[in-house]
Amino acid sequence: MTISAKFTALAARLTGKVGVHDSAEQLAAALDKQIDQVAKERVPEHLAGAASLSSTAAYQPGLIDLRGDAYDMAAYLDALTTAAATLGDADLVDALVEAGEIAHELVARLAVAAHATIPAPAIPVSSAA
């Protein structure tokens, strides 16, 4: 999705003008289209960026940014879960709780990955035993 398309979609959501799919088939098609679009537009960029990394430390800024994005997603899922609970939709709440747990796990795992970019301190051989 282009930047202008993202802003258009955000503006539509903020004004309450959001398209809703009426069938599972329509929703599945929209989800498939989204993945296809990301694969087409973003995956080549991600692959090129990853291929340019020349050291372990070079991973750190991207991992930090990615963790922030993941935390934002987790927080949003928590807010959606609370809102769905007030509507009394148990199935939606269950699905959102599970998604939120996975998102929070992703945040923790990305922190571990970021920490893995810090070189381990050298231990003198005489102190290793």
N, C-alpha and C. Protein backbone atom coordinates (compact mmCIF):
# COMPACT_ATOMS: atom_id res chain seq x y z
N MET A 1 0.85 -1.17 0.00
CA MET A 1 0.00 0.00 0.00
C MET A 1 0.89 1.23 0.00
N THR A 2 0.60 2.15 -0.87
CA THR A 2 1.39 3.37 -0.96
C THR A 2 1.08 4.27 0.23
N ILE A 3 1.97 5.23 0.45
CA ILE A 3 1.76 6.16 1.56
C ILE A 3 0.44 6.90 1.41
N SER A 4 0.14 7.38 0.20
CA SER A 4 -1.11 8.11 0.00
C SER A 4 -2.32 7.21 0.24
N ALA A 5 -2.22 5.95 -0.15
CA ALA A 5 -3.33 5.02 0.09
C ALA A 5 -3.51 4.76 1.58
N LYS A 6 -2.39 4.71 2.31
CA LYS A 6 -2.47 4.52 3.77
C LYS A 6 -3.15 5.72 4.43
N PHE A 7 -2.78 6.93 3.99
CA PHE A 7 -3.40 8.13 4.55
C PHE A 7 -4.88 8.19 4.19
N THR A 8 -5.22 7.80 2.98
CA THR A 8 -6.63 7.79 2.57
C THR A 8 -7.42 6.80 3.42
N ALA A 9 -6.85 5.61 3.62
CA ALA A 9 -7.52 4.60 4.44
C ALA A 9 -7.66 5.07 5.88
N LEU A 10 -6.61 5.71 6.41
CA LEU A 10 -6.67 6.23 7.78
C LEU A 10 -7.73 7.32 7.89
N ALA A 11 -7.76 8.23 6.94
CA ALA A 11 -8.76 9.30 6.96
C ALA A 11 -10.17 8.72 6.90
N ALA A 12 -10.36 7.69 6.08
CA ALA A 12 -11.68 7.06 5.98
C ALA A 12 -12.08 6.44 7.31
N ARG A 13 -11.11 5.75 7.97
CA ARG A 13 -11.42 5.13 9.27
C ARG A 13 -11.75 6.18 10.31
N LEU A 14 -11.00 7.27 10.33
CA LEU A 14 -11.23 8.32 11.32
C LEU A 14 -12.58 9.01 11.15
N THR A 15 -13.07 9.05 9.93
CA THR A 15 -14.37 9.68 9.68
C THR A 15 -15.51 8.67 9.68
N GLY A 16 -15.19 7.40 10.01
CA GLY A 16 -16.23 6.38 10.07
C GLY A 16 -16.65 5.84 8.73
N LYS A 17 -15.91 6.11 7.69
CA LYS A 17 -16.24 5.64 6.35
C LYS A 17 -15.37 4.45 5.98
N VAL A 18 -15.66 3.33 6.56
CA VAL A 18 -14.86 2.14 6.34
C VAL A 18 -15.71 1.10 5.63
N GLY A 19 -15.16 0.55 4.56
CA GLY A 19 -15.85 -0.51 3.86
C GLY A 19 -15.85 -1.79 4.67
N VAL A 20 -16.98 -2.45 4.72
CA VAL A 20 -17.11 -3.70 5.45
C VAL A 20 -17.49 -4.78 4.45
N HIS A 21 -16.86 -5.92 4.57
CA HIS A 21 -17.14 -7.03 3.67
C HIS A 21 -18.35 -7.79 4.17
N ASP A 22 -19.22 -8.17 3.26
CA ASP A 22 -20.47 -8.83 3.62
C ASP A 22 -20.40 -10.34 3.65
N SER A 23 -19.30 -10.91 3.14
CA SER A 23 -19.21 -12.37 3.11
C SER A 23 -17.79 -12.81 3.42
N ALA A 24 -17.68 -14.07 3.81
CA ALA A 24 -16.37 -14.64 4.08
C ALA A 24 -15.51 -14.63 2.83
N GLU A 25 -16.14 -14.82 1.68
CA GLU A 25 -15.40 -14.82 0.41
C GLU A 25 -14.82 -13.44 0.11
N GLN A 26 -15.62 -12.40 0.33
CA GLN A 26 -15.13 -11.04 0.10
C GLN A 26 -13.99 -10.71 1.05
N LEU A 27 -14.14 -11.10 2.31
CA LEU A 27 -13.10 -10.84 3.29
C LEU A 27 -11.83 -11.60 2.92
N ALA A 28 -11.97 -12.87 2.56
CA ALA A 28 -10.80 -13.67 2.17
C ALA A 28 -10.10 -13.06 0.97
N ALA A 29 -10.87 -12.57 0.01
CA ALA A 29 -10.28 -11.93 -1.18
C ALA A 29 -9.53 -10.67 -0.78
N ALA A 30 -10.09 -9.88 0.12
CA ALA A 30 -9.43 -8.65 0.58
C ALA A 30 -8.14 -8.97 1.33
N LEU A 31 -8.18 -10.00 2.16
CA LEU A 31 -6.98 -10.40 2.89
C LEU A 31 -5.90 -10.91 1.94
N ASP A 32 -6.31 -11.71 0.95
CA ASP A 32 -5.36 -12.21 -0.05
C ASP A 32 -4.76 -11.05 -0.85
N LYS A 33 -5.59 -10.09 -1.23
CA LYS A 33 -5.12 -8.94 -1.99
C LYS A 33 -4.10 -8.15 -1.17
N GLN A 34 -4.36 -8.01 0.12
CA GLN A 34 -3.44 -7.30 1.00
C GLN A 34 -2.08 -7.98 1.03
N ILE A 35 -2.07 -9.30 1.18
CA ILE A 35 -0.80 -10.04 1.22
C ILE A 35 -0.08 -9.93 -0.12
N ASP A 36 -0.82 -10.07 -1.21
CA ASP A 36 -0.22 -9.94 -2.54
C ASP A 36 0.42 -8.57 -2.72
N GLN A 37 -0.28 -7.54 -2.26
CA GLN A 37 0.22 -6.17 -2.40
C GLN A 37 1.49 -5.97 -1.59
N VAL A 38 1.51 -6.47 -0.37
CA VAL A 38 2.71 -6.35 0.47
C VAL A 38 3.85 -7.13 -0.16
N ALA A 39 3.56 -8.33 -0.64
CA ALA A 39 4.60 -9.15 -1.27
C ALA A 39 5.19 -8.44 -2.48
N LYS A 40 4.35 -7.79 -3.23
CA LYS A 40 4.79 -7.09 -4.44
C LYS A 40 5.56 -5.81 -4.11
N GLU A 41 5.06 -5.04 -3.17
CA GLU A 41 5.62 -3.71 -2.90
C GLU A 41 6.71 -3.70 -1.84
N ARG A 42 6.58 -4.51 -0.81
CA ARG A 42 7.48 -4.37 0.33
C ARG A 42 8.53 -5.48 0.44
N VAL A 43 8.18 -6.71 0.05
CA VAL A 43 9.12 -7.81 0.22
C VAL A 43 10.42 -7.57 -0.54
N PRO A 44 10.39 -7.12 -1.79
CA PRO A 44 11.67 -6.85 -2.47
C PRO A 44 12.52 -5.81 -1.72
N GLU A 45 11.86 -4.80 -1.18
CA GLU A 45 12.56 -3.78 -0.40
C GLU A 45 13.19 -4.40 0.85
N HIS A 46 12.43 -5.26 1.54
CA HIS A 46 12.95 -5.91 2.74
C HIS A 46 14.14 -6.81 2.40
N LEU A 47 14.02 -7.57 1.32
CA LEU A 47 15.11 -8.46 0.92
C LEU A 47 16.37 -7.68 0.58
N ALA A 48 16.22 -6.59 -0.14
CA ALA A 48 17.37 -5.76 -0.50
C ALA A 48 18.00 -5.14 0.75
N GLY A 49 17.16 -4.65 1.65
CA GLY A 49 17.68 -4.07 2.89
C GLY A 49 18.41 -5.09 3.73
N ALA A 50 17.86 -6.28 3.85
CA ALA A 50 18.49 -7.33 4.65
C ALA A 50 19.81 -7.78 4.01
N ALA A 51 19.83 -7.84 2.68
CA ALA A 51 21.05 -8.26 1.98
C ALA A 51 22.18 -7.25 2.16
N SER A 52 21.84 -6.02 2.47
CA SER A 52 22.88 -4.99 2.62
C SER A 52 23.48 -4.96 4.02
N LEU A 53 22.93 -5.71 4.94
CA LEU A 53 23.48 -5.71 6.30
C LEU A 53 24.83 -6.40 6.30
N SER A 54 25.83 -5.73 6.87
CA SER A 54 27.19 -6.26 6.80
C SER A 54 27.75 -6.70 8.15
N SER A 55 26.99 -6.52 9.21
CA SER A 55 27.45 -6.94 10.53
C SER A 55 26.25 -7.20 11.42
N THR A 56 26.49 -7.90 12.50
CA THR A 56 25.42 -8.19 13.45
C THR A 56 24.83 -6.90 14.01
N ALA A 57 25.69 -5.94 14.30
CA ALA A 57 25.23 -4.67 14.87
C ALA A 57 24.32 -3.92 13.91
N ALA A 58 24.48 -4.15 12.62
CA ALA A 58 23.66 -3.46 11.62
C ALA A 58 22.19 -3.87 11.71
N TYR A 59 21.89 -4.99 12.32
CA TYR A 59 20.51 -5.44 12.49
C TYR A 59 19.76 -4.62 13.54
N GLN A 60 20.52 -4.05 14.47
CA GLN A 60 19.93 -3.43 15.65
C GLN A 60 18.90 -2.34 15.37
N PRO A 61 19.18 -1.34 14.54
CA PRO A 61 18.18 -0.28 14.34
C PRO A 61 16.86 -0.81 13.78
N GLY A 62 16.94 -1.71 12.82
CA GLY A 62 15.73 -2.28 12.24
C GLY A 62 14.94 -3.11 13.25
N LEU A 63 15.66 -3.85 14.08
CA LEU A 63 14.98 -4.66 15.10
C LEU A 63 14.30 -3.77 16.14
N ILE A 64 14.95 -2.68 16.49
CA ILE A 64 14.35 -1.74 17.45
C ILE A 64 13.08 -1.14 16.86
N ASP A 65 13.16 -0.70 15.60
CA ASP A 65 11.97 -0.14 14.94
C ASP A 65 10.86 -1.17 14.83
N LEU A 66 11.24 -2.39 14.44
CA LEU A 66 10.25 -3.44 14.28
C LEU A 66 9.58 -3.78 15.60
N ARG A 67 10.36 -3.79 16.69
CA ARG A 67 9.79 -4.05 18.01
C ARG A 67 8.79 -2.96 18.40
N GLY A 68 9.12 -1.71 18.08
CA GLY A 68 8.18 -0.62 18.35
C GLY A 68 6.89 -0.79 17.58
N ASP A 69 6.99 -1.19 16.32
CA ASP A 69 5.79 -1.45 15.52
C ASP A 69 4.98 -2.60 16.11
N ALA A 70 5.68 -3.64 16.54
CA ALA A 70 5.00 -4.80 17.12
C ALA A 70 4.30 -4.42 18.42
N TYR A 71 4.95 -3.58 19.24
CA TYR A 71 4.32 -3.15 20.49
C TYR A 71 3.09 -2.30 20.21
N ASP A 72 3.18 -1.44 19.20
CA ASP A 72 2.03 -0.63 18.82
C ASP A 72 0.87 -1.54 18.41
N MET A 73 1.17 -2.56 17.64
CA MET A 73 0.15 -3.52 17.22
C MET A 73 -0.44 -4.25 18.43
N ALA A 74 0.41 -4.67 19.35
CA ALA A 74 -0.07 -5.37 20.54
C ALA A 74 -0.98 -4.47 21.38
N ALA A 75 -0.59 -3.21 21.53
CA ALA A 75 -1.41 -2.27 22.30
C ALA A 75 -2.76 -2.04 21.62
N TYR A 76 -2.74 -1.95 20.31
CA TYR A 76 -3.99 -1.76 19.56
C TYR A 76 -4.88 -2.99 19.70
N LEU A 77 -4.29 -4.17 19.64
CA LEU A 77 -5.07 -5.40 19.84
C LEU A 77 -5.68 -5.44 21.23
N ASP A 78 -4.95 -4.97 22.23
CA ASP A 78 -5.50 -4.91 23.60
C ASP A 78 -6.69 -3.96 23.65
N ALA A 79 -6.58 -2.83 22.99
CA ALA A 79 -7.69 -1.86 22.96
C ALA A 79 -8.89 -2.46 22.22
N LEU A 80 -8.64 -3.14 21.11
CA LEU A 80 -9.74 -3.77 20.37
C LEU A 80 -10.41 -4.86 21.20
N THR A 81 -9.61 -5.59 21.97
CA THR A 81 -10.16 -6.64 22.83
C THR A 81 -11.10 -6.04 23.87
N THR A 82 -10.68 -4.95 24.47
CA THR A 82 -11.51 -4.27 25.47
C THR A 82 -12.82 -3.79 24.83
N ALA A 83 -12.71 -3.19 23.65
CA ALA A 83 -13.91 -2.70 22.97
C ALA A 83 -14.84 -3.84 22.59
N ALA A 84 -14.28 -4.94 22.10
CA ALA A 84 -15.10 -6.09 21.71
C ALA A 84 -15.78 -6.71 22.93
N ALA A 85 -15.10 -6.68 24.06
CA ALA A 85 -15.69 -7.22 25.29
C ALA A 85 -16.90 -6.40 25.71
N THR A 86 -16.84 -5.09 25.53
CA THR A 86 -17.98 -4.25 25.90
C THR A 86 -19.17 -4.48 24.98
N LEU A 87 -18.88 -4.95 23.76
CA LEU A 87 -19.97 -5.29 22.83
C LEU A 87 -20.54 -6.68 23.10
N GLY A 88 -19.81 -7.46 23.91
CA GLY A 88 -20.29 -8.78 24.27
C GLY A 88 -20.06 -9.84 23.20
N ASP A 89 -19.13 -9.62 22.30
CA ASP A 89 -18.86 -10.58 21.23
C ASP A 89 -17.75 -11.53 21.67
N ALA A 90 -18.12 -12.66 22.28
CA ALA A 90 -17.17 -13.59 22.87
C ALA A 90 -16.22 -14.19 21.83
N ASP A 91 -16.72 -14.53 20.66
CA ASP A 91 -15.86 -15.13 19.64
C ASP A 91 -14.79 -14.14 19.18
N LEU A 92 -15.19 -12.90 18.97
CA LEU A 92 -14.23 -11.88 18.57
C LEU A 92 -13.23 -11.62 19.69
N VAL A 93 -13.71 -11.57 20.93
CA VAL A 93 -12.82 -11.36 22.07
C VAL A 93 -11.79 -12.48 22.13
N ASP A 94 -12.22 -13.72 21.99
CA ASP A 94 -11.30 -14.85 22.04
C ASP A 94 -10.23 -14.74 20.95
N ALA A 95 -10.65 -14.40 19.74
CA ALA A 95 -9.70 -14.27 18.63
C ALA A 95 -8.73 -13.12 18.88
N LEU A 96 -9.22 -12.02 19.41
CA LEU A 96 -8.37 -10.86 19.69
C LEU A 96 -7.41 -11.13 20.85
N VAL A 97 -7.88 -11.84 21.86
CA VAL A 97 -7.00 -12.20 22.99
C VAL A 97 -5.84 -13.04 22.48
N GLU A 98 -6.15 -14.03 21.65
CA GLU A 98 -5.09 -14.89 21.11
C GLU A 98 -4.12 -14.08 20.25
N ALA A 99 -4.64 -13.22 19.40
CA ALA A 99 -3.78 -12.38 18.56
C ALA A 99 -2.92 -11.46 19.43
N GLY A 100 -3.51 -10.90 20.48
CA GLY A 100 -2.77 -10.02 21.38
C GLY A 100 -1.65 -10.75 22.11
N GLU A 101 -1.93 -11.98 22.54
CA GLU A 101 -0.89 -12.76 23.22
C GLU A 101 0.27 -13.04 22.28
N ILE A 102 -0.04 -13.38 21.05
CA ILE A 102 1.01 -13.63 20.05
C ILE A 102 1.78 -12.35 19.77
N ALA A 103 1.09 -11.23 19.68
CA ALA A 103 1.76 -9.95 19.44
C ALA A 103 2.70 -9.59 20.58
N HIS A 104 2.27 -9.80 21.82
CA HIS A 104 3.13 -9.51 22.96
C HIS A 104 4.33 -10.46 23.00
N GLU A 105 4.12 -11.70 22.60
CA GLU A 105 5.23 -12.65 22.50
C GLU A 105 6.22 -12.18 21.44
N LEU A 106 5.71 -11.68 20.32
CA LEU A 106 6.57 -11.15 19.27
C LEU A 106 7.41 -9.98 19.79
N VAL A 107 6.80 -9.10 20.58
CA VAL A 107 7.54 -7.97 21.17
C VAL A 107 8.71 -8.50 22.00
N ALA A 108 8.45 -9.50 22.82
CA ALA A 108 9.50 -10.07 23.68
C ALA A 108 10.59 -10.73 22.83
N ARG A 109 10.20 -11.46 21.81
CA ARG A 109 11.19 -12.15 20.97
C ARG A 109 12.03 -11.17 20.17
N LEU A 110 11.44 -10.07 19.74
CA LEU A 110 12.21 -9.06 19.04
C LEU A 110 13.22 -8.39 19.97
N ALA A 111 12.86 -8.23 21.24
CA ALA A 111 13.81 -7.69 22.22
C ALA A 111 14.99 -8.64 22.37
N VAL A 112 14.71 -9.93 22.42
CA VAL A 112 15.79 -10.93 22.51
C VAL A 112 16.69 -10.84 21.28
N ALA A 113 16.08 -10.71 20.11
CA ALA A 113 16.86 -10.60 18.87
C ALA A 113 17.72 -9.33 18.89
N ALA A 114 17.15 -8.22 19.37
CA ALA A 114 17.93 -6.97 19.45
C ALA A 114 19.11 -7.13 20.40
N HIS A 115 18.87 -7.79 21.53
CA HIS A 115 19.96 -8.02 22.48
C HIS A 115 21.04 -8.91 21.88
N ALA A 116 20.67 -9.79 20.96
CA ALA A 116 21.64 -10.68 20.33
C ALA A 116 22.60 -9.93 19.41
N THR A 117 22.32 -8.66 19.14
CA THR A 117 23.22 -7.86 18.30
C THR A 117 24.37 -7.27 19.10
N ILE A 118 24.31 -7.37 20.42
CA ILE A 118 25.38 -6.87 21.28
C ILE A 118 26.43 -7.97 21.41
N PRO A 119 27.68 -7.66 21.10
CA PRO A 119 28.70 -8.71 21.20
C PRO A 119 28.86 -9.18 22.65
N ALA A 120 29.06 -10.48 22.78
CA ALA A 120 29.28 -11.04 24.11
C ALA A 120 30.65 -10.59 24.61
N PRO A 121 30.75 -10.31 25.90
CA PRO A 121 32.05 -9.88 26.41
C PRO A 121 33.06 -11.03 26.30
N ALA A 122 34.26 -10.67 25.96
CA ALA A 122 35.32 -11.68 25.87
C ALA A 122 35.71 -12.12 27.27
N ILE A 123 35.77 -13.41 27.46
CA ILE A 123 36.17 -13.95 28.75
C ILE A 123 37.58 -14.51 28.60
N PRO A 124 38.52 -14.00 29.38
CA PRO A 124 39.88 -14.52 29.28
C PRO A 124 39.89 -16.03 29.57
N VAL A 125 40.71 -16.76 28.84
CA VAL A 125 40.77 -18.20 29.00
C VAL A 125 41.08 -18.58 30.44
N SER A 126 41.89 -17.83 31.12
CA SER A 126 42.26 -18.14 32.51
C SER A 126 41.05 -18.02 33.44
N SER A 127 40.05 -17.22 33.07
CA SER A 127 38.86 -17.04 33.91
C SER A 127 37.73 -17.97 33.50
N ALA A 128 37.87 -18.66 32.40
CA ALA A 128 36.79 -19.48 31.88
C ALA A 128 36.56 -20.73 32.69
N ALA A 129 37.56 -21.22 33.37
CA ALA A 129 37.42 -22.48 34.09
C ALA A 129 36.85 -22.31 35.43
